């Protein structure tokens, strides 16, 4: 029988166990967040779930790989942690030497966490590789870029991670860093669907790391005031943002004018209302396109009437304009044309009436474009052969990669463009002769090709909306021909 180890051995083993336990990370799991804190109270990793961490169709986002929110203190040494649980929140208190203290309050449900702190010299907020945008071809790359966001009283400011900073904005920053002198509201970073935002207890100076080809966000506050910080780590979704703070919904469609933001929000709630009645998001998008067409019918009729007036004027003036352009040049030709307009009582800019139809369609198009681009409900949502409405439909992968278009074969843009071609060929205004009708058809075909190039690498949800709109145009043209 072997002798038992000496008592000193057990003492060393016990001290090692206590030390290892004290230095272990602390993990908190709620209905919507999975957070891991280091022994000094730094938020090492964070995963947000929408709409919840359990159930079907869960969307997940990890905010950083190592060190989401980290703090620097003047003193080192051993830290202690205490855990207090209540009905609606969990509180972690980290206490270090020299009066350093970090007390986190994490709600059982929700994405806003709070921090009471003292004795902290600086705080850094970072993203990581898991937060980087996915690779996208063509214009689809526009949608995938991460950026800094500052919700200030003067307005919403967005700065690209790879954006060059003007000298007049760089107040002391070095190494490609932009220094924002005063931040008086929420600040943080975001991508298409998720955001990490911080609200300091009072205005602070924040340094935003910015450089060519930079992919990861890093925000540093060097002089940290004592008090309560708020952090939002969650989805960019109107109702969720509003429940966290009344200012956070300003993140939605931040790059648009206020009236375009209203259109986006109106379309978001319209789509959400349709989805309550329809089990499929894809069908809901198609029905939204139909509903928008019905709601815009009075304006469309006015636009059609203006277009008809322009067509009739063009048909009346075409023979004489052709004769003038054939027989006269330069200033004499311009004088003859103006004289013709005066004789026929036609304003020289009469053709601008036809832009009424464009003026009606474009704001709604922009609104639907931005709303579907940022709609987190479409993330990881399939429809028919489309695996994910937030990405191109990707029917199959090509054995080669095309410049700009990538290596994915997307079927929806071909259907969209084919319907545009059919609608163009059915477009035969009676007021125009064959030559003028041909000119309008050629312009419509060129526009359809331009939309194909623009939309080919865009998410399937956006292309599905415009494909449905083109289908409605074909049906309207067939009905008009009857």
Protein backbone atom coordinates (compact mmCIF):
# COMPACT_ATOMS: atom_id res chain seq x y z
CA UNK A 1 0.00 0.00 0.00
CA UNK A 2 1.41 3.34 -1.09
CA UNK A 3 1.70 6.06 1.57
CA UNK A 4 -0.70 9.03 1.34
CA UNK A 5 0.74 12.31 0.05
CA UNK A 6 2.04 14.77 2.57
CA UNK A 7 -0.35 17.44 3.91
CA UNK A 8 1.63 20.09 2.01
CA UNK A 9 0.55 18.39 -1.26
CA UNK A 10 -3.13 18.74 -0.37
CA UNK A 11 -2.59 22.37 0.60
CA UNK A 12 -0.98 23.15 -2.80
CA UNK A 13 -3.76 21.30 -4.61
CA UNK A 14 -6.43 23.21 -2.68
CA UNK A 15 -4.78 26.57 -3.41
CA UNK A 16 -4.53 25.69 -7.10
CA UNK A 17 -8.20 24.74 -7.20
CA UNK A 18 -9.29 27.96 -5.47
CA UNK A 19 -7.09 30.04 -7.76
CA UNK A 20 -8.36 28.29 -10.90
CA UNK A 21 -11.95 28.77 -9.78
CA UNK A 22 -11.37 32.47 -9.08
CA UNK A 23 -9.75 33.00 -12.47
CA UNK A 24 -12.44 31.13 -14.40
CA UNK A 25 -14.67 33.05 -16.75
CA UNK A 26 -18.27 33.72 -15.74
CA UNK A 27 -20.99 32.87 -18.25
CA UNK A 28 -24.51 34.30 -18.20
CA UNK A 29 -27.25 32.86 -20.41
CA UNK A 30 -30.58 34.65 -20.78
CA UNK A 31 -33.50 34.24 -23.17
CA UNK A 32 -31.80 36.51 -25.72
CA UNK A 33 -28.09 36.78 -24.81
CA UNK A 34 -25.11 34.52 -24.05
CA UNK A 35 -22.39 36.54 -22.30
CA UNK A 36 -18.99 35.52 -20.97
CA UNK A 37 -17.07 37.75 -18.53
CA UNK A 38 -13.41 37.53 -17.54
CA UNK A 39 -12.20 37.56 -13.94
CA UNK A 40 -11.70 41.37 -14.19
CA UNK A 41 -15.27 41.96 -15.39
CA UNK A 42 -14.47 42.42 -19.09
CA UNK A 43 -17.13 41.18 -21.50
CA UNK A 44 -15.03 38.62 -23.37
CA UNK A 45 -17.64 37.28 -25.76
CA UNK A 46 -21.28 37.97 -26.56
CA UNK A 47 -23.86 36.17 -28.66
CA UNK A 48 -27.27 37.69 -29.35
CA UNK A 49 -30.28 35.61 -30.41
CA UNK A 50 -33.38 36.79 -32.27
CA UNK A 51 -36.18 36.39 -31.43
CA UNK A 52 -34.89 34.13 -28.63
CA UNK A 53 -32.09 31.64 -27.99
CA UNK A 54 -34.54 28.73 -28.04
CA UNK A 55 -37.20 27.75 -30.56
CA UNK A 56 -37.32 27.64 -34.34
CA UNK A 57 -35.74 30.07 -36.82
CA UNK A 58 -33.20 31.46 -34.35
CA UNK A 59 -30.81 34.11 -35.74
CA UNK A 60 -27.48 34.36 -33.96
CA UNK A 61 -24.74 36.98 -34.00
CA UNK A 62 -21.41 36.83 -32.18
CA UNK A 63 -20.08 40.33 -31.56
CA UNK A 64 -16.40 39.59 -31.05
CA UNK A 65 -14.07 36.63 -30.80
CA UNK A 66 -12.09 37.83 -27.76
CA UNK A 67 -12.81 41.04 -25.84
CA UNK A 68 -16.10 42.72 -26.77
CA UNK A 69 -16.02 45.39 -24.04
CA UNK A 70 -12.76 45.66 -22.10
CA UNK A 71 -11.55 48.04 -19.39
CA UNK A 72 -8.15 49.28 -18.24
CA UNK A 73 -7.52 50.01 -14.57
CA UNK A 74 -4.49 51.53 -12.87
CA UNK A 75 -4.01 48.71 -10.39
CA UNK A 76 -3.49 44.99 -10.82
CA UNK A 77 -4.02 42.13 -8.43
CA UNK A 78 -6.72 39.66 -7.60
CA UNK A 79 -10.39 40.38 -8.39
CA UNK A 80 -13.46 38.93 -6.71
CA UNK A 81 -16.89 38.36 -8.19
CA UNK A 82 -20.33 38.02 -6.64
CA UNK A 83 -23.50 36.88 -8.34
CA UNK A 84 -26.99 38.10 -7.43
CA UNK A 85 -30.11 36.85 -9.19
CA UNK A 86 -33.51 38.53 -9.18
CA UNK A 87 -36.76 37.86 -11.02
CA UNK A 88 -36.02 40.16 -13.96
CA UNK A 89 -32.24 40.45 -14.01
CA UNK A 90 -28.93 38.96 -12.92
CA UNK A 91 -26.23 41.14 -11.34
CA UNK A 92 -22.50 40.40 -11.44
CA UNK A 93 -20.24 42.53 -9.25
CA UNK A 94 -16.50 42.47 -9.97
CA UNK A 95 -14.32 44.17 -7.33
CA UNK A 96 -10.61 44.73 -7.76
CA UNK A 97 -7.83 46.37 -5.74
CA UNK A 98 -7.59 50.15 -5.53
CA UNK A 99 -11.34 50.71 -5.57
CA UNK A 100 -11.94 49.41 -9.11
CA UNK A 101 -15.49 48.10 -9.45
CA UNK A 102 -17.64 46.80 -12.32
CA UNK A 103 -21.26 45.84 -11.67
CA UNK A 104 -23.17 44.38 -14.62
CA UNK A 105 -26.97 44.09 -14.69
CA UNK A 106 -28.22 41.67 -17.35
CA UNK A 107 -31.97 41.38 -17.96
CA UNK A 108 -33.59 37.97 -18.23
CA UNK A 109 -35.13 39.09 -21.53
CA UNK A 110 -33.94 41.90 -23.77
CA UNK A 111 -30.73 43.21 -25.28
CA UNK A 112 -29.89 46.23 -23.10
CA UNK A 113 -27.41 45.62 -20.30
CA UNK A 114 -26.19 48.20 -17.78
CA UNK A 115 -22.86 48.73 -16.07
CA UNK A 116 -22.04 50.69 -12.92
CA UNK A 117 -18.30 51.30 -12.81
CA UNK A 118 -15.65 53.18 -10.87
CA UNK A 119 -11.85 53.30 -10.97
CA UNK A 120 -11.67 52.62 -14.72
CA UNK A 121 -9.13 54.49 -16.87
CA UNK A 122 -10.35 53.56 -20.37
CA UNK A 123 -12.87 51.37 -22.14
CA UNK A 124 -12.63 49.72 -25.57
CA UNK A 125 -15.50 48.29 -27.62
CA UNK A 126 -14.55 45.91 -30.43
CA UNK A 127 -16.01 43.70 -33.10
CA UNK A 128 -14.21 40.64 -34.44
CA UNK A 129 -13.97 38.23 -37.32
CA UNK A 130 -17.40 36.74 -36.61
CA UNK A 131 -18.95 40.19 -37.09
CA UNK A 132 -17.28 40.81 -40.44
CA UNK A 133 -19.59 41.11 -43.43
CA UNK A 134 -20.01 38.12 -45.69
CA UNK A 135 -18.32 38.23 -49.05
CA UNK A 136 -20.68 39.46 -51.75
CA UNK A 137 -20.23 40.11 -55.46
CA UNK A 138 -21.22 43.20 -57.41
CA UNK A 139 -23.45 45.82 -55.90
CA UNK A 140 -24.52 43.36 -53.19
CA UNK A 141 -21.28 44.29 -51.41
CA UNK A 142 -22.83 47.69 -50.63
CA UNK A 143 -25.24 46.11 -48.19
CA UNK A 144 -22.71 44.05 -46.28
CA UNK A 145 -20.39 46.77 -44.99
CA UNK A 146 -20.01 47.38 -41.25
CA UNK A 147 -19.83 50.98 -40.03
CA UNK A 148 -19.68 53.17 -36.95
CA UNK A 149 -22.86 54.95 -35.89
CA UNK A 150 -23.25 58.00 -33.62
CA UNK A 151 -26.76 59.00 -32.56
CA UNK A 152 -26.20 62.65 -31.67
CA UNK A 153 -28.59 65.53 -31.09
CA UNK A 154 -27.50 67.07 -34.39
CA UNK A 155 -28.35 63.89 -36.29
CA UNK A 156 -27.14 60.40 -37.10
CA UNK A 157 -23.53 60.11 -38.26
CA UNK A 158 -22.22 56.98 -39.98
CA UNK A 159 -18.53 56.35 -40.66
CA UNK A 160 -17.14 53.44 -42.66
CA UNK A 161 -14.48 51.31 -41.00
CA UNK A 162 -12.23 51.86 -44.02
CA UNK A 163 -13.16 55.50 -44.49
CA UNK A 164 -10.42 58.08 -44.85
CA UNK A 165 -10.73 60.86 -42.30
CA UNK A 166 -10.42 64.49 -43.38
CA UNK A 167 -7.74 66.51 -41.61
CA UNK A 168 -10.30 68.95 -40.19
CA UNK A 169 -12.14 66.01 -38.56
CA UNK A 170 -9.00 64.35 -37.23
CA UNK A 171 -8.49 66.29 -34.03
CA UNK A 172 -5.29 64.69 -32.85
CA UNK A 173 -5.88 61.19 -34.18
CA UNK A 174 -2.94 59.26 -35.55
CA UNK A 175 -2.50 56.09 -37.53
CA UNK A 176 -5.70 56.53 -39.52
CA UNK A 177 -7.90 56.99 -36.43
CA UNK A 178 -10.76 59.46 -36.35
CA UNK A 179 -11.25 61.32 -33.09
CA UNK A 180 -14.76 62.48 -32.31
CA UNK A 181 -14.39 65.32 -29.82
CA UNK A 182 -17.73 64.95 -28.05
CA UNK A 183 -20.26 62.13 -28.14
CA UNK A 184 -23.52 63.15 -26.49
CA UNK A 185 -25.60 60.04 -27.23
CA UNK A 186 -25.41 56.43 -28.31
CA UNK A 187 -22.32 55.34 -30.24
CA UNK A 188 -21.21 51.98 -31.57
CA UNK A 189 -21.00 49.88 -34.69
CA UNK A 190 -23.45 47.94 -36.85
CA UNK A 191 -23.87 45.74 -39.89
CA UNK A 192 -27.04 44.96 -41.86
CA UNK A 193 -28.92 43.29 -39.02
CA UNK A 194 -27.06 43.75 -35.71
CA UNK A 195 -25.61 46.56 -33.63
CA UNK A 196 -23.53 47.06 -30.52
CA UNK A 197 -24.23 50.51 -29.08
CA UNK A 198 -22.93 52.20 -25.92
CA UNK A 199 -24.40 55.12 -23.98
CA UNK A 200 -21.93 56.77 -21.56
CA UNK A 201 -23.08 58.50 -18.36
CA UNK A 202 -22.00 61.88 -19.77
CA UNK A 203 -20.48 63.26 -23.02
CA UNK A 204 -17.10 61.72 -23.77
CA UNK A 205 -14.38 61.83 -26.38
CA UNK A 206 -14.22 58.64 -28.43
CA UNK A 207 -11.59 57.44 -30.86
CA UNK A 208 -12.83 55.36 -33.78
CA UNK A 209 -10.19 53.20 -35.48
CA UNK A 210 -10.33 53.74 -39.24
CA UNK A 211 -7.95 52.62 -41.99
CA UNK A 212 -7.91 51.36 -45.56
CA UNK A 213 -9.29 47.81 -45.88
CA UNK A 214 -10.17 47.72 -42.17
CA UNK A 215 -12.82 45.14 -41.33
CA UNK A 216 -13.09 45.25 -37.53
CA UNK A 217 -14.50 48.09 -35.44
CA UNK A 218 -12.70 49.45 -32.38
CA UNK A 219 -13.93 52.33 -30.25
CA UNK A 220 -11.79 53.64 -27.39
CA UNK A 221 -12.83 56.10 -24.68
CA UNK A 222 -9.68 57.22 -22.89
CA UNK A 223 -11.16 59.24 -20.06
CA UNK A 224 -14.01 57.26 -18.55
CA UNK A 225 -16.42 59.07 -16.22
CA UNK A 226 -17.73 57.14 -13.25
CA UNK A 227 -21.40 56.27 -13.43
CA UNK A 228 -23.80 53.99 -15.28
CA UNK A 229 -23.19 52.91 -18.86
CA UNK A 230 -25.82 51.28 -21.05
CA UNK A 231 -25.01 48.81 -23.81
CA UNK A 232 -27.27 47.45 -26.52
CA UNK A 233 -26.22 44.18 -28.15
CA UNK A 234 -29.01 43.05 -30.42
CA UNK A 235 -30.90 43.12 -33.69
CA UNK A 236 -31.76 46.20 -35.75
CA UNK A 237 -35.51 45.73 -35.56
CA UNK A 238 -37.90 48.65 -34.87
CA UNK A 239 -39.89 47.17 -32.01
CA UNK A 240 -36.86 45.64 -30.27
CA UNK A 241 -34.89 48.88 -30.57
CA UNK A 242 -37.74 50.95 -29.21
CA UNK A 243 -38.18 48.64 -26.23
CA UNK A 244 -34.50 49.18 -25.35
CA UNK A 245 -34.46 52.98 -25.77
CA UNK A 246 -36.58 55.51 -27.65
CA UNK A 247 -33.48 56.88 -29.43
CA UNK A 248 -32.26 53.57 -30.84
CA UNK A 249 -34.87 53.30 -33.67
CA UNK A 250 -32.89 56.09 -35.34
CA UNK A 251 -30.51 53.31 -36.37
CA UNK A 252 -33.12 52.18 -38.88
CA UNK A 253 -32.54 53.52 -42.41
CA UNK A 254 -30.18 56.14 -40.97
CA UNK A 255 -28.81 57.18 -44.34
CA UNK A 256 -32.19 58.34 -45.71
CA UNK A 257 -34.15 61.59 -45.48
CA UNK A 258 -36.80 61.59 -42.79
CA UNK A 259 -39.72 61.23 -45.22
CA UNK A 260 -38.06 58.24 -46.91
CA UNK A 261 -37.57 56.70 -43.46
CA UNK A 262 -41.32 57.05 -42.91
CA UNK A 263 -41.95 55.16 -46.14
CA UNK A 264 -39.55 52.41 -45.02
CA UNK A 265 -41.21 52.09 -41.63
CA UNK A 266 -44.65 52.12 -43.22
CA UNK A 267 -43.66 49.31 -45.58
CA UNK A 268 -42.06 47.38 -42.68
CA UNK A 269 -45.31 47.44 -40.70
CA UNK A 270 -47.33 46.66 -43.83
CA UNK A 271 -45.19 43.56 -44.47
CA UNK A 272 -45.37 42.54 -40.80
CA UNK A 273 -49.16 42.90 -40.87
CA UNK A 274 -49.45 40.74 -43.99
CA UNK A 275 -47.16 38.13 -42.42
CA UNK A 276 -49.59 37.78 -39.50
CA UNK A 277 -52.11 36.39 -42.00
CA UNK A 278 -49.71 34.47 -44.25
CA UNK A 279 -47.33 31.73 -43.04
CA UNK A 280 -44.63 32.48 -45.65
CA UNK A 281 -42.42 35.57 -45.79
CA UNK A 282 -41.96 35.05 -49.53
CA UNK A 283 -45.69 35.15 -50.21
CA UNK A 284 -45.98 38.11 -47.82
CA UNK A 285 -43.43 40.05 -49.93
CA UNK A 286 -45.40 39.29 -53.09
CA UNK A 287 -48.65 40.38 -51.47
CA UNK A 288 -46.96 43.56 -50.23
CA UNK A 289 -45.98 44.38 -53.82
CA UNK A 290 -49.60 43.85 -54.90
CA UNK A 291 -50.90 45.94 -51.99
CA UNK A 292 -48.52 48.80 -52.79
CA UNK A 293 -49.68 48.75 -56.42
CA UNK A 294 -53.30 48.96 -55.30
CA UNK A 295 -52.61 51.79 -52.84
CA UNK A 296 -50.73 53.74 -55.49
CA UNK A 297 -53.42 53.26 -58.14
CA UNK A 298 -54.78 56.84 -57.93
CA UNK A 299 -51.29 58.30 -58.36
CA UNK A 300 -50.52 55.83 -61.13
CA UNK A 301 -53.62 56.93 -63.03
CA UNK A 302 -52.51 60.55 -62.81
CA UNK A 303 -49.06 59.58 -64.03
CA UNK A 304 -50.58 57.57 -66.91
CA UNK A 305 -52.71 60.56 -67.88
CA UNK A 306 -49.64 62.79 -67.99
CA UNK A 307 -47.79 60.19 -70.06
CA UNK A 308 -50.73 60.02 -72.46
CA UNK A 309 -50.67 63.80 -72.88
CA UNK A 310 -46.94 63.71 -73.61
CA UNK A 311 -47.44 60.91 -76.16
CA UNK A 312 -50.17 62.86 -77.93
CA UNK A 313 -48.02 65.99 -78.04
CA UNK A 314 -45.02 64.04 -79.37
CA UNK A 315 -47.18 62.43 -82.07
CA UNK A 316 -48.55 65.84 -83.14
CA UNK A 317 -45.13 67.52 -83.25
CA UNK A 318 -43.11 64.61 -84.65
CA UNK A 319 -43.58 65.27 -88.43
CA UNK A 320 -42.69 68.96 -88.22
CA UNK A 321 -39.80 68.33 -85.81
CA UNK A 322 -38.42 65.74 -88.20
CA UNK A 323 -38.62 68.22 -91.08
CA UNK A 324 -36.89 70.99 -89.08
CA UNK A 325 -34.06 68.70 -87.90
CA UNK A 326 -33.55 67.48 -91.46
CA UNK A 327 -33.42 70.93 -93.12
CA UNK A 328 -31.86 73.18 -90.49
CA UNK A 329 -28.81 73.10 -88.21
CA UNK A 330 -27.42 74.92 -85.19
CA UNK A 331 -29.07 78.12 -83.94
CA UNK A 332 -31.51 78.25 -86.86
CA UNK A 333 -32.77 74.77 -85.98
CA UNK A 334 -33.23 75.74 -82.31
CA UNK A 335 -35.11 78.91 -83.32
CA UNK A 336 -37.43 76.95 -85.61
CA UNK A 337 -38.18 74.41 -82.89
CA UNK A 338 -38.98 77.15 -80.34
CA UNK A 339 -41.22 78.83 -82.91
CA UNK A 340 -43.04 75.52 -83.43
CA UNK A 341 -43.56 75.13 -79.68
CA UNK A 342 -44.96 78.65 -79.52
CA UNK A 343 -47.29 78.09 -82.44
CA UNK A 344 -48.58 74.81 -80.97
CA UNK A 345 -48.76 76.34 -77.47
CA UNK A 346 -46.44 73.68 -76.07
CA UNK A 347 -43.93 74.36 -73.31
CA UNK A 348 -40.36 73.38 -74.30
CA UNK A 349 -40.16 71.19 -71.20
CA UNK A 350 -43.47 69.42 -71.83
CA UNK A 351 -41.79 66.00 -71.85
CA UNK A 352 -40.97 66.37 -68.14
CA UNK A 353 -44.62 65.51 -67.45
CA UNK A 354 -43.76 61.91 -68.22
CA UNK A 355 -41.38 61.92 -65.24
CA UNK A 356 -44.42 62.00 -62.97
CA UNK A 357 -44.59 58.23 -63.17
CA UNK A 358 -40.94 57.96 -62.14
CA UNK A 359 -41.43 60.47 -59.32
CA UNK A 360 -44.23 58.29 -57.96
CA UNK A 361 -42.36 54.99 -58.22
CA UNK A 362 -38.83 55.92 -57.08
CA UNK A 363 -39.56 56.89 -53.41
CA UNK A 364 -41.53 53.69 -52.87
CA UNK A 365 -38.84 51.69 -54.67
CA UNK A 366 -36.15 53.16 -52.39
CA UNK A 367 -38.32 52.51 -49.35
CA UNK A 368 -38.91 48.87 -50.27
CA UNK A 369 -35.23 48.46 -51.19
CA UNK A 370 -33.96 49.67 -47.79
CA UNK A 371 -36.70 48.01 -45.77
CA UNK A 372 -36.09 44.57 -47.30
CA UNK A 373 -32.30 45.03 -47.09
CA UNK A 374 -32.42 45.58 -43.29
CA UNK A 375 -35.34 43.30 -42.41
CA UNK A 376 -33.86 40.77 -40.00
CA UNK A 377 -37.00 38.62 -40.25
CA UNK A 378 -35.82 37.57 -43.73
CA UNK A 379 -32.47 36.34 -42.39
CA UNK A 380 -32.21 32.53 -42.72
CA UNK A 381 -35.78 32.43 -44.09
CA UNK A 382 -36.40 30.27 -47.16
CA UNK A 383 -38.99 30.36 -49.94
CA UNK A 384 -39.42 27.86 -52.80
CA UNK A 385 -35.88 27.10 -54.03
CA UNK A 386 -34.46 30.12 -52.17
CA UNK A 387 -32.55 29.03 -49.08
CA UNK A 388 -32.24 32.52 -47.57
CA UNK A 389 -34.24 35.58 -48.61
CA UNK A 390 -31.53 37.83 -47.18
CA UNK A 391 -29.00 36.52 -49.75
CA UNK A 392 -29.14 36.01 -53.53
CA UNK A 393 -31.30 33.01 -54.45
CA UNK A 394 -28.23 30.98 -55.59
CA UNK A 395 -29.95 28.23 -57.59
CA UNK A 396 -26.58 26.55 -58.15
CA UNK A 397 -22.87 27.36 -58.16
CA UNK A 398 -21.07 27.90 -61.44
CA UNK A 399 -17.77 26.05 -62.05
CA UNK A 400 -16.14 29.42 -62.68
CA UNK A 401 -16.34 32.95 -61.34
CA UNK A 402 -17.54 35.84 -63.46
CA UNK A 403 -16.17 39.33 -62.84
CA UNK A 404 -18.68 41.43 -60.86
CA UNK A 405 -21.42 38.72 -60.98
CA UNK A 406 -19.57 36.12 -58.89
CA UNK A 407 -19.91 32.33 -59.06
CA UNK A 408 -23.59 31.97 -58.12
CA UNK A 409 -26.33 31.46 -60.69
CA UNK A 410 -29.31 33.48 -59.48
CA UNK A 411 -32.58 32.66 -61.21
CA UNK A 412 -34.81 35.44 -59.86
CA UNK A 413 -33.03 38.30 -61.72
CA UNK A 414 -33.60 36.42 -65.01
CA UNK A 415 -37.31 36.02 -64.21
CA UNK A 416 -37.51 39.69 -63.24
CA UNK A 417 -35.83 40.82 -66.47
CA UNK A 418 -37.88 38.43 -68.62
CA UNK A 419 -41.09 39.91 -67.24
CA UNK A 420 -39.70 43.40 -67.93
CA UNK A 421 -39.07 42.42 -71.55
CA UNK A 422 -42.62 41.07 -71.90
CA UNK A 423 -44.09 44.26 -70.38
CA UNK A 424 -41.96 46.35 -72.76
CA UNK A 425 -43.15 44.45 -75.84
CA UNK A 426 -46.77 44.81 -74.72
CA UNK A 427 -46.31 48.58 -74.35
CA UNK A 428 -47.99 50.03 -77.46
CA UNK A 429 -49.47 53.50 -76.82
CA UNK A 430 -52.07 54.23 -79.51
CA UNK A 431 -51.13 57.91 -79.69
CA UNK A 432 -47.62 57.14 -81.01
CA UNK A 433 -46.58 56.02 -84.45
CA UNK A 434 -44.39 52.97 -85.00
CA UNK A 435 -41.12 54.92 -84.81
CA UNK A 436 -41.92 56.61 -81.49
CA UNK A 437 -43.29 53.37 -80.03
CA UNK A 438 -40.09 51.61 -81.02
CA UNK A 439 -38.03 54.31 -79.34
CA UNK A 440 -39.96 53.95 -76.08
CA UNK A 441 -39.68 50.16 -76.18
CA UNK A 442 -35.90 50.37 -76.70
CA UNK A 443 -35.58 52.68 -73.71
CA UNK A 444 -37.63 50.29 -71.58
CA UNK A 445 -35.48 47.34 -72.64
CA UNK A 446 -32.29 49.22 -71.80
CA UNK A 447 -33.76 50.07 -68.38
CA UNK A 448 -34.60 46.39 -67.83
CA UNK A 449 -30.99 45.41 -68.60
CA UNK A 450 -29.71 48.07 -66.19
CA UNK A 451 -31.99 46.71 -63.45
CA UNK A 452 -30.71 43.19 -64.15
CA UNK A 453 -27.12 44.31 -63.56
CA UNK A 454 -28.13 46.26 -60.46
CA UNK A 455 -30.24 43.49 -58.90
CA UNK A 456 -28.31 40.36 -59.84
CA UNK A 457 -26.24 40.24 -56.65
CA UNK A 458 -28.90 41.73 -54.36
CA UNK A 459 -30.78 39.66 -51.75
CA UNK A 460 -33.59 37.47 -53.06
CA UNK A 461 -36.24 39.22 -50.97
CA UNK A 462 -35.60 42.51 -52.77
CA UNK A 463 -35.54 40.84 -56.21
CA UNK A 464 -38.75 38.93 -55.39
CA UNK A 465 -40.53 42.21 -54.62
CA UNK A 466 -39.51 43.78 -57.95
CA UNK A 467 -40.22 40.54 -59.88
CA UNK A 468 -43.76 40.59 -58.51
CA UNK A 469 -44.07 44.24 -59.47
CA UNK A 470 -43.06 43.37 -63.06
CA UNK A 471 -45.55 40.50 -63.12
CA UNK A 472 -48.29 42.94 -62.09
CA UNK A 473 -47.20 45.26 -64.93
CA UNK A 474 -47.53 42.42 -67.45
CA UNK A 475 -51.01 41.56 -66.16
CA UNK A 476 -52.06 45.23 -66.35
CA UNK A 477 -50.76 45.48 -69.93
CA UNK A 478 -52.63 42.34 -70.99
CA UNK A 479 -55.79 43.69 -69.38
CA UNK A 480 -55.36 47.02 -71.16
CA UNK A 481 -54.95 45.24 -74.53
CA UNK A 482 -58.29 43.51 -73.99
